Amino acid sequence: MCASLRSTRRTWIAVFFAVLMATVSRPASAQPRPNDPQVIYEVQIDGESFQVEGSQRPIKVESKLKKGTTYTLAVRVAMTQTLRLNSVQLDYGMWAKVIDNKRKDLRVVLIEHDLGFSFKITDLGNVLNAELQDKLLKTLADDAVKRFTDRKATDLKPTKPTAQKFGSSDGKWLRINYNDSEGVARTCMIFVLSGEKYTVAAVAEFLDQDKEDVGSWVMSALRSVRPLE
């Protein structure tokens, strides 16, 4: 019985890992990027429709149905967007490209931020116990070290796992510092977060020179992880 359970856990981790490391498909930009063409929005008020350019200054429009009535309209894309996965949702800051595999079993979303860093989050779709969470964190860390080594990275310095609370989630994380093949200092941070009804894994990779900006972005996103509403 115990041997069968251990085998099932190893198989589950292997399947999860294969999906997580696969290239996510169905690219979709979640919001307009800085150089995208201007977007025209249609705003409806009391049965009337008006067209407004995104991010333009507030404009005044006259109602055709209500004589003497004037509306002041403006439409802007919020600097914080909500990303909804299968069992959780989180908030992330603009500007970023979102690539979503849309799977119902292991939902993998890659956020590529204009600052030049990446953030991959995986909704596992079920709850893992502490043993499997530790196994998952180690598996992700071992793969990251191998990937960086294959790319001729040097001076790899993985840290030991640290337990930390992220908003309503319990979490464990570790950091891997290294120099890439061109000698540029980089950091990879790996997280496993859990709640009463969910477990998610997240990996952030960025240049050390951007760690102050990226660190606050990543921590803010992780603290916002919560059950899907």
C-alpha atoms as a PDB file:
ATOM      1  CA  MET A   1       0.000   0.000   0.000  1.00  0.00           C
ATOM      2  CA  CYS A   2       2.731   2.458   0.947  1.00  0.00           C
ATOM      3  CA  ALA A   3       4.809   1.513  -2.077  1.00  0.00           C
ATOM      4  CA  SER A   4       1.780   2.013  -4.331  1.00  0.00           C
ATOM      5  CA  LEU A   5       1.119   5.448  -2.819  1.00  0.00           C
ATOM      6  CA  ARG A   6       4.727   6.529  -3.290  1.00  0.00           C
ATOM      7  CA  SER A   7       4.612   5.347  -6.916  1.00  0.00           C
ATOM      8  CA  THR A   8       1.421   7.319  -7.529  1.00  0.00           C
ATOM      9  CA  ARG A   9       2.991  10.454  -6.072  1.00  0.00           C
ATOM     10  CA  ARG A  10       6.111  10.075  -8.220  1.00  0.00           C
ATOM     11  CA  THR A  11       3.945   9.580 -11.315  1.00  0.00           C
ATOM     12  CA  TRP A  12       1.829  12.623 -10.481  1.00  0.00           C
ATOM     13  CA  ILE A  13       4.890  14.838 -10.036  1.00  0.00           C
ATOM     14  CA  ALA A  14       6.344  13.587 -13.329  1.00  0.00           C
ATOM     15  CA  VAL A  15       3.123  14.339 -15.221  1.00  0.00           C
ATOM     16  CA  PHE A  16       2.813  17.755 -13.603  1.00  0.00           C
ATOM     17  CA  PHE A  17       6.408  18.596 -14.389  1.00  0.00           C
ATOM     18  CA  ALA A  18       6.089  17.590 -18.039  1.00  0.00           C
ATOM     19  CA  VAL A  19       3.116  19.898 -18.494  1.00  0.00           C
ATOM     20  CA  LEU A  20       4.680  22.748 -16.523  1.00  0.00           C
ATOM     21  CA  MET A  21       7.897  22.726 -18.535  1.00  0.00           C
ATOM     22  CA  ALA A  22       6.103  22.430 -21.871  1.00  0.00           C
ATOM     23  CA  THR A  23       5.726  25.532 -23.980  1.00  0.00           C
ATOM     24  CA  VAL A  24       2.367  27.090 -23.233  1.00  0.00           C
ATOM     25  CA  SER A  25       0.125  27.697 -26.216  1.00  0.00           C
ATOM     26  CA  ARG A  26      -2.692  29.978 -27.313  1.00  0.00           C
ATOM     27  CA  PRO A  27      -0.933  33.320 -26.854  1.00  0.00           C
ATOM     28  CA  ALA A  28      -3.331  36.088 -25.959  1.00  0.00           C
ATOM     29  CA  SER A  29      -2.548  39.635 -24.958  1.00  0.00           C
ATOM     30  CA  ALA A  30      -4.600  40.373 -21.848  1.00  0.00           C
ATOM     31  CA  GLN A  31      -4.453  44.123 -22.316  1.00  0.00           C
ATOM     32  CA  PRO A  32      -3.193  46.687 -24.845  1.00  0.00           C
ATOM     33  CA  ARG A  33       0.558  47.229 -24.859  1.00  0.00           C
ATOM     34  CA  PRO A  34       2.177  50.697 -25.095  1.00  0.00           C
ATOM     35  CA  ASN A  35       2.726  50.598 -28.884  1.00  0.00           C
ATOM     36  CA  ASP A  36      -0.585  48.978 -29.817  1.00  0.00           C
ATOM     37  CA  PRO A  37      -3.044  50.948 -32.027  1.00  0.00           C
ATOM     38  CA  GLN A  38      -5.531  53.126 -30.176  1.00  0.00           C
ATOM     39  CA  VAL A  39      -8.615  51.230 -29.015  1.00  0.00           C
ATOM     40  CA  ILE A  40     -12.094  52.683 -29.443  1.00  0.00           C
ATOM     41  CA  TYR A  41     -14.538  51.814 -26.653  1.00  0.00           C
ATOM     42  CA  GLU A  42     -18.302  52.006 -26.746  1.00  0.00           C
ATOM     43  CA  VAL A  43     -19.836  53.419 -23.570  1.00  0.00           C
ATOM     44  CA  GLN A  44     -23.548  52.930 -22.896  1.00  0.00           C
ATOM     45  CA  ILE A  45     -25.447  55.271 -20.585  1.00  0.00           C
ATOM     46  CA  ASP A  46     -29.234  55.187 -20.075  1.00  0.00           C
ATOM     47  CA  GLY A  47     -29.813  53.464 -23.412  1.00  0.00           C
ATOM     48  CA  GLU A  48     -27.422  55.648 -25.432  1.00  0.00           C
ATOM     49  CA  SER A  49     -24.080  54.637 -26.918  1.00  0.00           C
ATOM     50  CA  PHE A  50     -21.019  56.859 -27.213  1.00  0.00           C
ATOM     51  CA  GLN A  51     -17.570  56.115 -28.637  1.00  0.00           C
ATOM     52  CA  VAL A  52     -14.492  56.988 -26.576  1.00  0.00           C
ATOM     53  CA  GLU A  53     -10.821  56.474 -27.373  1.00  0.00           C
ATOM     54  CA  GLY A  54      -8.935  54.540 -24.724  1.00  0.00           C
ATOM     55  CA  SER A  55      -6.701  56.617 -22.433  1.00  0.00           C
ATOM     56  CA  GLN A  56      -7.774  59.940 -23.954  1.00  0.00           C
ATOM     57  CA  ARG A  57      -8.672  62.930 -21.785  1.00  0.00           C
ATOM     58  CA  PRO A  58     -12.261  63.129 -20.507  1.00  0.00           C
ATOM     59  CA  ILE A  59     -14.655  64.387 -23.170  1.00  0.00           C
ATOM     60  CA  LYS A  60     -18.108  65.901 -22.917  1.00  0.00           C
ATOM     61  CA  VAL A  61     -20.922  64.471 -25.033  1.00  0.00           C
ATOM     62  CA  GLU A  62     -24.469  65.700 -25.491  1.00  0.00           C
ATOM     63  CA  SER A  63     -27.356  63.299 -24.946  1.00  0.00           C
ATOM     64  CA  LYS A  64     -29.614  62.887 -27.962  1.00  0.00           C
ATOM     65  CA  LEU A  65     -32.388  61.388 -25.876  1.00  0.00           C
ATOM     66  CA  LYS A  66     -32.344  63.813 -22.959  1.00  0.00           C
ATOM     67  CA  LYS A  67     -32.262  67.394 -24.107  1.00  0.00           C
ATOM     68  CA  GLY A  68     -29.857  69.534 -22.097  1.00  0.00           C
ATOM     69  CA  THR A  69     -28.058  66.527 -20.571  1.00  0.00           C
ATOM     70  CA  THR A  70     -24.272  66.348 -20.919  1.00  0.00           C
ATOM     71  CA  TYR A  71     -22.035  63.418 -19.929  1.00  0.00           C
ATOM     72  CA  THR A  72     -18.304  63.548 -19.178  1.00  0.00           C
ATOM     73  CA  LEU A  73     -16.679  60.325 -20.401  1.00  0.00           C
ATOM     74  CA  ALA A  74     -13.230  58.774 -20.165  1.00  0.00           C
ATOM     75  CA  VAL A  75     -11.985  55.186 -20.476  1.00  0.00           C
ATOM     76  CA  ARG A  76      -8.605  54.012 -19.215  1.00  0.00           C
ATOM     77  CA  VAL A  77      -7.054  50.574 -18.796  1.00  0.00           C
ATOM     78  CA  ALA A  78      -6.462  49.922 -15.091  1.00  0.00           C
ATOM     79  CA  MET A  79      -2.805  49.573 -14.092  1.00  0.00           C
ATOM     80  CA  THR A  80      -3.704  46.394 -12.199  1.00  0.00           C
ATOM     81  CA  GLN A  81      -5.342  43.485 -14.002  1.00  0.00           C
ATOM     82  CA  THR A  82      -7.021  40.383 -12.558  1.00  0.00           C
ATOM     83  CA  LEU A  83      -5.951  36.999 -13.899  1.00  0.00           C
ATOM     84  CA  ARG A  84      -8.454  34.182 -13.364  1.00  0.00           C
ATOM     85  CA  LEU A  85      -7.218  30.599 -13.540  1.00  0.00           C
ATOM     86  CA  ASN A  86      -9.078  27.362 -12.785  1.00  0.00           C
ATOM     87  CA  SER A  87      -9.218  27.508  -8.987  1.00  0.00           C
ATOM     88  CA  VAL A  88      -7.496  30.794  -8.089  1.00  0.00           C
ATOM     89  CA  GLN A  89      -7.231  34.377  -9.218  1.00  0.00           C
ATOM     90  CA  LEU A  90      -4.556  37.008  -8.714  1.00  0.00           C
ATOM     91  CA  ASP A  91      -3.784  40.615  -9.567  1.00  0.00           C
ATOM     92  CA  TYR A  92      -0.774  41.710 -11.597  1.00  0.00           C
ATOM     93  CA  GLY A  93       0.646  45.019 -12.744  1.00  0.00           C
ATOM     94  CA  MET A  94       0.792  46.392 -16.276  1.00  0.00           C
ATOM     95  CA  TRP A  95       2.313  46.251 -18.863  1.00  0.00           C
ATOM     96  CA  ALA A  96       2.593  42.569 -19.717  1.00  0.00           C
ATOM     97  CA  LYS A  97       1.921  39.916 -22.323  1.00  0.00           C
ATOM     98  CA  VAL A  98      -0.055  36.923 -21.053  1.00  0.00           C
ATOM     99  CA  ILE A  99       0.292  33.447 -22.587  1.00  0.00           C
ATOM    100  CA  ASP A 100      -2.252  30.922 -21.321  1.00  0.00           C
ATOM    101  CA  ASN A 101      -2.456  27.194 -22.112  1.00  0.00           C
ATOM    102  CA  LYS A 102      -6.157  27.114 -21.047  1.00  0.00           C
ATOM    103  CA  ARG A 103      -5.901  23.540 -19.746  1.00  0.00           C
ATOM    104  CA  LYS A 104      -8.477  22.304 -17.255  1.00  0.00           C
ATOM    105  CA  ASP A 105      -6.081  19.962 -15.443  1.00  0.00           C
ATOM    106  CA  LEU A 106      -2.819  21.913 -15.125  1.00  0.00           C
ATOM    107  CA  ARG A 107      -3.403  25.559 -16.032  1.00  0.00           C
ATOM    108  CA  VAL A 108      -0.109  27.247 -16.921  1.00  0.00           C
ATOM    109  CA  VAL A 109       0.106  30.997 -17.527  1.00  0.00           C
ATOM    110  CA  LEU A 110       3.270  32.844 -18.514  1.00  0.00           C
ATOM    111  CA  ILE A 111       3.423  36.598 -17.920  1.00  0.00           C
ATOM    112  CA  GLU A 112       6.163  38.382 -19.857  1.00  0.00           C
ATOM    113  CA  HIS A 113       6.531  41.882 -18.484  1.00  0.00           C
ATOM    114  CA  ASP A 114       7.800  44.865 -20.459  1.00  0.00           C
ATOM    115  CA  LEU A 115      10.467  45.389 -17.798  1.00  0.00           C
ATOM    116  CA  GLY A 116      12.115  42.256 -19.204  1.00  0.00           C
ATOM    117  CA  PHE A 117      11.262  39.604 -16.625  1.00  0.00           C
ATOM    118  CA  SER A 118       9.051  36.526 -16.768  1.00  0.00           C
ATOM    119  CA  PHE A 119       6.592  35.103 -14.246  1.00  0.00           C
ATOM    120  CA  LYS A 120       5.098  31.644 -14.756  1.00  0.00           C
ATOM    121  CA  ILE A 121       2.269  30.460 -12.533  1.00  0.00           C
ATOM    122  CA  THR A 122       0.648  27.032 -12.538  1.00  0.00           C
ATOM    123  CA  ASP A 123      -2.744  26.215 -11.045  1.00  0.00           C
ATOM    124  CA  LEU A 124      -2.489  22.552 -10.084  1.00  0.00           C
ATOM    125  CA  GLY A 125      -6.219  22.102  -9.782  1.00  0.00           C
ATOM    126  CA  ASN A 126      -6.061  20.220  -6.480  1.00  0.00           C
ATOM    127  CA  VAL A 127      -4.580  20.424  -2.994  1.00  0.00           C
ATOM    128  CA  LEU A 128      -1.144  18.932  -2.296  1.00  0.00           C
ATOM    129  CA  ASN A 129      -0.028  17.861   1.140  1.00  0.00           C
ATOM    130  CA  ALA A 130       3.164  19.240   2.663  1.00  0.00           C
ATOM    131  CA  GLU A 131       5.268  16.315   1.429  1.00  0.00           C
ATOM    132  CA  LEU A 132       4.243  16.799  -2.203  1.00  0.00           C
ATOM    133  CA  GLN A 133       4.675  20.565  -1.946  1.00  0.00           C
ATOM    134  CA  ASP A 134       8.275  20.061  -0.801  1.00  0.00           C
ATOM    135  CA  LYS A 135       8.833  17.533  -3.585  1.00  0.00           C
ATOM    136  CA  LEU A 136       7.437  19.948  -6.155  1.00  0.00           C
ATOM    137  CA  LEU A 137       9.614  22.819  -4.943  1.00  0.00           C
ATOM    138  CA  LYS A 138      12.734  20.627  -5.108  1.00  0.00           C
ATOM    139  CA  THR A 139      11.821  19.326  -8.574  1.00  0.00           C
ATOM    140  CA  LEU A 140      11.382  22.840  -9.920  1.00  0.00           C
ATOM    141  CA  ALA A 141      14.646  23.973  -8.328  1.00  0.00           C
ATOM    142  CA  ASP A 142      16.601  20.987  -9.694  1.00  0.00           C
ATOM    143  CA  ASP A 143      15.264  21.638 -13.189  1.00  0.00           C
ATOM    144  CA  ALA A 144      16.136  25.328 -12.997  1.00  0.00           C
ATOM    145  CA  VAL A 145      19.709  24.533 -11.970  1.00  0.00           C
ATOM    146  CA  LYS A 146      20.011  22.065 -14.852  1.00  0.00           C
ATOM    147  CA  ARG A 147      18.600  24.566 -17.368  1.00  0.00           C
ATOM    148  CA  PHE A 148      20.978  27.287 -16.250  1.00  0.00           C
ATOM    149  CA  THR A 149      23.943  24.909 -16.246  1.00  0.00           C
ATOM    150  CA  ASP A 150      23.080  23.745 -19.783  1.00  0.00           C
ATOM    151  CA  ARG A 151      23.140  27.394 -20.821  1.00  0.00           C
ATOM    152  CA  LYS A 152      26.688  27.771 -19.477  1.00  0.00           C
ATOM    153  CA  ALA A 153      25.656  29.676 -16.360  1.00  0.00           C
ATOM    154  CA  THR A 154      28.232  29.979 -13.594  1.00  0.00           C
ATOM    155  CA  ASP A 155      28.378  30.642  -9.850  1.00  0.00           C
ATOM    156  CA  LEU A 156      24.963  29.105  -9.167  1.00  0.00           C
ATOM    157  CA  LYS A 157      23.867  29.702  -5.580  1.00  0.00           C
ATOM    158  CA  PRO A 158      20.571  28.045  -4.599  1.00  0.00           C
ATOM    159  CA  THR A 159      19.190  28.961  -1.173  1.00  0.00           C
ATOM    160  CA  LYS A 160      17.404  26.663   1.240  1.00  0.00           C
ATOM    161  CA  PRO A 161      13.579  26.673   1.186  1.00  0.00           C
ATOM    162  CA  THR A 162      11.933  29.344   3.322  1.00  0.00           C
ATOM    163  CA  ALA A 163       8.385  29.209   4.701  1.00  0.00           C
ATOM    164  CA  GLN A 164       6.438  32.455   4.349  1.00  0.00           C
ATOM    165  CA  LYS A 165       2.869  33.682   4.398  1.00  0.00           C
ATOM    166  CA  PHE A 166       1.641  35.317   1.166  1.00  0.00           C
ATOM    167  CA  GLY A 167      -1.656  37.055   1.810  1.00  0.00           C
ATOM    168  CA  SER A 168      -4.153  34.268   2.494  1.00  0.00           C
ATOM    169  CA  SER A 169      -1.755  31.573   1.226  1.00  0.00           C
ATOM    170  CA  ASP A 170       0.845  29.501   3.023  1.00  0.00           C
ATOM    171  CA  GLY A 171       4.008  29.311   0.970  1.00  0.00           C
ATOM    172  CA  LYS A 172       7.526  28.015   0.588  1.00  0.00           C
ATOM    173  CA  TRP A 173      10.094  29.470  -1.730  1.00  0.00           C
ATOM    174  CA  LEU A 174      13.765  29.504  -2.647  1.00  0.00           C
ATOM    175  CA  ARG A 175      16.079  31.650  -4.732  1.00  0.00           C
ATOM    176  CA  ILE A 176      18.794  30.756  -7.236  1.00  0.00           C
ATOM    177  CA  ASN A 177      21.405  33.412  -8.010  1.00  0.00           C
ATOM    178  CA  TYR A 178      23.735  32.882 -10.957  1.00  0.00           C
ATOM    179  CA  ASN A 179      25.685  34.529 -13.768  1.00  0.00           C
ATOM    180  CA  ASP A 180      24.539  33.781 -17.302  1.00  0.00           C
ATOM    181  CA  SER A 181      26.870  32.832 -20.162  1.00  0.00           C
ATOM    182  CA  GLU A 182      27.691  36.509 -20.701  1.00  0.00           C
ATOM    183  CA  GLY A 183      28.483  37.097 -17.044  1.00  0.00           C
ATOM    184  CA  VAL A 184      25.262  38.998 -16.304  1.00  0.00           C
ATOM    185  CA  ALA A 185      23.897  38.470 -12.786  1.00  0.00           C
ATOM    186  CA  ARG A 186      20.436  36.941 -12.736  1.00  0.00           C
ATOM    187  CA  THR A 187      17.956  35.572 -10.208  1.00  0.00           C
ATOM    188  CA  CYS A 188      15.334  32.844 -10.312  1.00  0.00           C
ATOM    189  CA  MET A 189      12.713  32.659  -7.548  1.00  0.00           C
ATOM    190  CA  ILE A 190      10.536  29.564  -7.146  1.00  0.00           C
ATOM    191  CA  PHE A 191       7.362  29.448  -5.051  1.00  0.00           C
ATOM    192  CA  VAL A 192       4.759  26.888  -4.011  1.00  0.00           C
ATOM    193  CA  LEU A 193       1.630  28.402  -2.452  1.00  0.00           C
ATOM    194  CA  SER A 194      -1.298  26.581  -0.912  1.00  0.00           C
ATOM    195  CA  GLY A 195      -4.708  27.356   0.514  1.00  0.00           C
ATOM    196  CA  GLU A 196      -7.680  25.380   1.729  1.00  0.00           C
ATOM    197  CA  LYS A 197      -8.744  24.473  -1.821  1.00  0.00           C
ATOM    198  CA  TYR A 198      -5.736  25.141  -4.043  1.00  0.00           C
ATOM    199  CA  THR A 199      -2.029  24.759  -4.691  1.00  0.00           C
ATOM    200  CA  VAL A 200      -0.096  26.883  -7.176  1.00  0.00           C
ATOM    201  CA  ALA A 201       3.529  26.972  -8.274  1.00  0.00           C
ATOM    202  CA  ALA A 202       5.248  30.097  -9.572  1.00  0.00           C
ATOM    203  CA  VAL A 203       8.647  30.840 -11.095  1.00  0.00           C
ATOM    204  CA  ALA A 204      10.048  34.358 -11.608  1.00  0.00           C
ATOM    205  CA  GLU A 205      13.249  35.036 -13.558  1.00  0.00           C
ATOM    206  CA  PHE A 206      14.885  38.461 -13.833  1.00  0.00           C
ATOM    207  CA  LEU A 207      18.103  40.463 -13.989  1.00  0.00           C
ATOM    208  CA  ASP A 208      19.638  41.340 -10.633  1.00  0.00           C
ATOM    209  CA  GLN A 209      19.732  44.987 -11.668  1.00  0.00           C
ATOM    210  CA  ASP A 210      15.910  44.932 -11.782  1.00  0.00           C
ATOM    211  CA  LYS A 211      15.388  43.034  -8.539  1.00  0.00           C
ATOM    212  CA  GLU A 212      13.946  45.976  -6.603  1.00  0.00           C
ATOM    213  CA  ASP A 213      11.169  46.645  -9.127  1.00  0.00           C
ATOM    214  CA  VAL A 214      10.575  42.992  -9.979  1.00  0.00           C
ATOM    215  CA  GLY A 215      10.625  41.861  -6.359  1.00  0.00           C
ATOM    216  CA  SER A 216       7.800  44.192  -5.354  1.00  0.00           C
ATOM    217  CA  TRP A 217       5.806  43.206  -8.463  1.00  0.00           C
ATOM    218  CA  VAL A 218       6.176  39.487  -7.770  1.00  0.00           C
ATOM    219  CA  MET A 219       5.399  39.723  -4.066  1.00  0.00           C
ATOM    220  CA  SER A 220       2.340  41.861  -4.733  1.00  0.00           C
ATOM    221  CA  ALA A 221       1.035  39.319  -7.268  1.00  0.00           C
ATOM    222  CA  LEU A 222       1.636  36.386  -4.913  1.00  0.00           C
ATOM    223  CA  ARG A 223      -0.018  38.129  -1.970  1.00  0.00           C
ATOM    224  CA  SER A 224      -3.120  38.612  -4.123  1.00  0.00           C
ATOM    225  CA  VAL A 225      -3.555  34.887  -4.884  1.00  0.00           C
ATOM    226  CA  ARG A 226      -6.966  33.816  -3.598  1.00  0.00           C
ATOM    227  CA  PRO A 227      -9.704  31.269  -4.382  1.00  0.00           C
ATOM    228  CA  LEU A 228     -11.600  31.915  -7.580  1.00  0.00           C
ATOM    229  CA  GLU A 229     -14.679  34.036  -6.977  1.00  0.00           C
END
